[in-house]
Structures are given as C-alpha cells and as structure tokens.
N, C-alpha and C. Protein backbone atom coordinates (compact mmCIF):
# COMPACT_ATOMS: atom_id res chain seq x y z
N MET A 1 35.02 17.88 -14.95
CA MET A 1 35.59 16.57 -15.15
C MET A 1 36.82 16.72 -16.04
N VAL A 2 37.84 15.97 -15.73
CA VAL A 2 39.03 15.91 -16.58
C VAL A 2 39.16 14.49 -17.10
N THR A 3 39.73 14.36 -18.30
CA THR A 3 39.86 13.06 -18.95
C THR A 3 41.29 12.88 -19.43
N CYS A 4 41.81 11.67 -19.25
CA CYS A 4 43.14 11.33 -19.78
C CYS A 4 43.05 11.19 -21.29
N VAL A 5 44.11 11.57 -21.98
CA VAL A 5 44.16 11.47 -23.43
C VAL A 5 44.99 10.25 -23.81
N LEU A 6 44.42 9.41 -24.70
CA LEU A 6 45.10 8.21 -25.16
C LEU A 6 45.43 8.35 -26.64
N ASP A 7 46.56 7.75 -27.06
CA ASP A 7 46.91 7.78 -28.48
C ASP A 7 46.24 6.60 -29.19
N ALA A 8 46.56 6.38 -30.46
CA ALA A 8 45.93 5.34 -31.25
C ALA A 8 46.19 3.94 -30.70
N ASN A 9 47.28 3.74 -29.98
CA ASN A 9 47.61 2.44 -29.39
C ASN A 9 47.05 2.29 -27.98
N SER A 10 46.21 3.21 -27.57
CA SER A 10 45.62 3.23 -26.22
C SER A 10 46.67 3.46 -25.13
N ASP A 11 47.79 4.06 -25.51
CA ASP A 11 48.80 4.44 -24.52
C ASP A 11 48.49 5.85 -24.02
N LEU A 12 48.75 6.07 -22.75
CA LEU A 12 48.50 7.36 -22.14
C LEU A 12 49.43 8.40 -22.73
N LYS A 13 48.86 9.52 -23.21
CA LYS A 13 49.67 10.63 -23.71
C LYS A 13 49.79 11.65 -22.60
N GLY A 14 50.94 12.22 -22.46
CA GLY A 14 51.12 13.25 -21.46
C GLY A 14 52.56 13.69 -21.38
N GLU A 15 52.77 14.71 -20.60
CA GLU A 15 54.09 15.26 -20.42
C GLU A 15 54.29 15.58 -18.94
N ILE A 16 55.52 15.77 -18.56
CA ILE A 16 55.82 16.23 -17.21
C ILE A 16 55.64 17.74 -17.19
N VAL A 17 54.86 18.21 -16.24
CA VAL A 17 54.60 19.64 -16.13
C VAL A 17 55.62 20.25 -15.18
N PRO A 18 56.37 21.27 -15.61
CA PRO A 18 57.33 21.92 -14.72
C PRO A 18 56.62 22.56 -13.53
N LEU A 19 57.26 22.52 -12.38
CA LEU A 19 56.66 23.05 -11.15
C LEU A 19 56.29 24.52 -11.28
N GLU A 20 57.06 25.31 -12.02
CA GLU A 20 56.75 26.73 -12.13
C GLU A 20 55.47 26.99 -12.94
N CYS A 21 54.96 25.97 -13.63
CA CYS A 21 53.72 26.11 -14.40
C CYS A 21 52.48 25.77 -13.58
N LEU A 22 52.65 25.19 -12.39
CA LEU A 22 51.51 24.83 -11.57
C LEU A 22 50.96 26.05 -10.86
N CYS A 23 49.65 26.20 -10.89
CA CYS A 23 48.99 27.35 -10.25
C CYS A 23 48.28 26.95 -8.96
N SER A 24 47.77 25.73 -8.90
CA SER A 24 46.96 25.32 -7.77
C SER A 24 46.94 23.80 -7.67
N LEU A 25 46.74 23.30 -6.47
CA LEU A 25 46.52 21.88 -6.27
C LEU A 25 45.08 21.55 -6.61
N LEU A 26 44.84 20.33 -7.04
CA LEU A 26 43.49 19.85 -7.30
C LEU A 26 43.27 18.56 -6.54
N GLN A 27 42.05 18.36 -6.08
CA GLN A 27 41.67 17.07 -5.53
C GLN A 27 40.75 16.43 -6.56
N VAL A 28 41.13 15.26 -7.04
CA VAL A 28 40.34 14.58 -8.05
C VAL A 28 39.86 13.23 -7.52
N THR A 29 38.69 12.80 -8.02
CA THR A 29 38.10 11.52 -7.65
C THR A 29 37.79 10.78 -8.94
N PRO A 30 38.18 9.50 -9.04
CA PRO A 30 37.87 8.75 -10.26
C PRO A 30 36.36 8.66 -10.50
N VAL A 31 35.97 8.66 -11.77
CA VAL A 31 34.59 8.41 -12.15
C VAL A 31 34.43 6.89 -12.19
N PHE A 32 33.56 6.35 -11.33
CA PHE A 32 33.47 4.90 -11.19
C PHE A 32 32.54 4.24 -12.19
N GLY A 33 31.47 4.88 -12.59
CA GLY A 33 30.51 4.26 -13.50
C GLY A 33 29.57 3.34 -12.75
N GLN A 34 29.09 2.30 -13.42
CA GLN A 34 28.11 1.38 -12.82
C GLN A 34 28.73 0.47 -11.78
N ALA A 35 29.96 0.03 -11.98
CA ALA A 35 30.62 -0.89 -11.05
C ALA A 35 32.07 -0.47 -10.87
N VAL A 36 32.59 -0.70 -9.68
CA VAL A 36 33.98 -0.35 -9.37
C VAL A 36 34.87 -1.55 -9.69
N ASP A 37 35.94 -1.30 -10.43
CA ASP A 37 36.91 -2.34 -10.75
C ASP A 37 37.65 -2.77 -9.49
N LYS A 38 37.80 -4.07 -9.26
CA LYS A 38 38.45 -4.59 -8.05
C LYS A 38 39.91 -4.20 -7.95
N LYS A 39 40.59 -3.96 -9.09
CA LYS A 39 42.01 -3.59 -9.04
C LYS A 39 42.22 -2.10 -8.78
N LEU A 40 41.13 -1.35 -8.65
CA LEU A 40 41.22 0.08 -8.38
C LEU A 40 41.44 0.31 -6.88
N THR A 41 42.61 0.86 -6.54
CA THR A 41 42.95 1.18 -5.16
C THR A 41 43.45 2.63 -5.12
N GLN A 42 43.77 3.08 -3.93
CA GLN A 42 44.30 4.44 -3.79
C GLN A 42 45.60 4.59 -4.58
N GLU A 43 46.41 3.54 -4.62
CA GLU A 43 47.69 3.60 -5.32
C GLU A 43 47.56 3.46 -6.83
N THR A 44 46.51 2.77 -7.31
CA THR A 44 46.38 2.48 -8.75
C THR A 44 45.30 3.30 -9.45
N SER A 45 44.66 4.22 -8.73
CA SER A 45 43.53 4.94 -9.32
C SER A 45 43.93 5.79 -10.54
N LEU A 46 45.12 6.37 -10.53
CA LEU A 46 45.55 7.16 -11.69
C LEU A 46 45.89 6.28 -12.88
N GLU A 47 46.31 5.04 -12.61
CA GLU A 47 46.68 4.11 -13.68
C GLU A 47 45.46 3.49 -14.35
N TYR A 48 44.45 3.14 -13.58
CA TYR A 48 43.30 2.41 -14.11
C TYR A 48 42.08 3.28 -14.40
N SER A 49 42.11 4.54 -14.05
CA SER A 49 40.98 5.43 -14.34
C SER A 49 41.37 6.40 -15.44
N SER A 50 40.39 6.76 -16.26
CA SER A 50 40.68 7.71 -17.34
C SER A 50 39.88 9.00 -17.21
N GLN A 51 38.88 9.01 -16.32
CA GLN A 51 38.10 10.23 -16.09
C GLN A 51 38.04 10.50 -14.59
N PHE A 52 38.10 11.79 -14.25
CA PHE A 52 38.13 12.20 -12.85
C PHE A 52 37.23 13.40 -12.64
N TRP A 53 36.55 13.43 -11.50
CA TRP A 53 35.81 14.61 -11.07
C TRP A 53 36.75 15.52 -10.31
N ILE A 54 36.65 16.82 -10.54
CA ILE A 54 37.43 17.81 -9.79
C ILE A 54 36.59 18.26 -8.61
N ASN A 55 37.16 18.22 -7.41
CA ASN A 55 36.47 18.69 -6.22
C ASN A 55 36.66 20.21 -6.14
N LYS A 56 35.64 20.95 -6.57
CA LYS A 56 35.77 22.41 -6.60
C LYS A 56 35.68 23.02 -5.20
N TYR A 57 35.33 22.24 -4.20
CA TYR A 57 35.25 22.74 -2.83
C TYR A 57 36.55 22.54 -2.05
N PHE A 58 37.59 22.00 -2.72
CA PHE A 58 38.88 21.74 -2.09
C PHE A 58 39.55 23.01 -1.60
N ASP A 59 39.39 24.08 -2.33
CA ASP A 59 40.05 25.35 -2.03
C ASP A 59 39.09 26.48 -2.42
N LYS A 60 38.95 27.51 -1.59
CA LYS A 60 37.97 28.55 -1.90
C LYS A 60 38.33 29.32 -3.16
N GLU A 61 39.62 29.53 -3.45
CA GLU A 61 40.00 30.22 -4.68
C GLU A 61 39.64 29.37 -5.90
N LEU A 62 39.87 28.06 -5.80
CA LEU A 62 39.50 27.16 -6.88
C LEU A 62 37.98 27.15 -7.06
N TYR A 63 37.25 27.15 -5.96
CA TYR A 63 35.78 27.17 -6.03
C TYR A 63 35.31 28.42 -6.78
N TYR A 64 35.84 29.58 -6.43
CA TYR A 64 35.42 30.81 -7.10
C TYR A 64 35.82 30.80 -8.58
N ALA A 65 36.99 30.27 -8.89
CA ALA A 65 37.44 30.24 -10.29
C ALA A 65 36.56 29.30 -11.13
N LEU A 66 36.20 28.14 -10.59
CA LEU A 66 35.39 27.19 -11.35
C LEU A 66 33.91 27.56 -11.36
N THR A 67 33.46 28.29 -10.39
CA THR A 67 32.06 28.67 -10.33
C THR A 67 31.77 29.82 -11.30
N LEU A 68 32.75 30.66 -11.57
CA LEU A 68 32.53 31.79 -12.47
C LEU A 68 32.65 31.42 -13.93
N LEU A 69 33.03 30.18 -14.25
CA LEU A 69 33.16 29.76 -15.66
C LEU A 69 31.82 29.64 -16.33
C-alpha cells in the first residue's frame, strides 16, 4: 500500500519525479474503506484518495520484486 503525504495544512506534499528516475509502471487502486465517496471517479481518484493498493500482478518483474521483500 502507498499513502499520500500531507503537510500540517492538509495540503498534498510531493514533487515532480524526473522521467529518468522512473524504473517501472505501477497499477494502483484506491483504498475505499467502508463506503465509496460519490465524487470518486476515474478522473478524480488521485485527488480524493490518499491510500492506494499496488497491483503486484501488473508486471511479472514487479511481482518478483515485491514478493521477495
């Protein structure tokens, strides 16, 4: 699971990651909890969700890397 980091004002903290630093694509799914928010759509899921599940079966190399941890 990955989690977004918020500062003291509840603003999203983050930076732009240069393309040369990316190693692999990830498929993530929002953690919904007990009920799904009505404003959560495919376009707004990154804005309204703060926790995501990583699909380790998305890529076999990713699966092997995450399974050996």
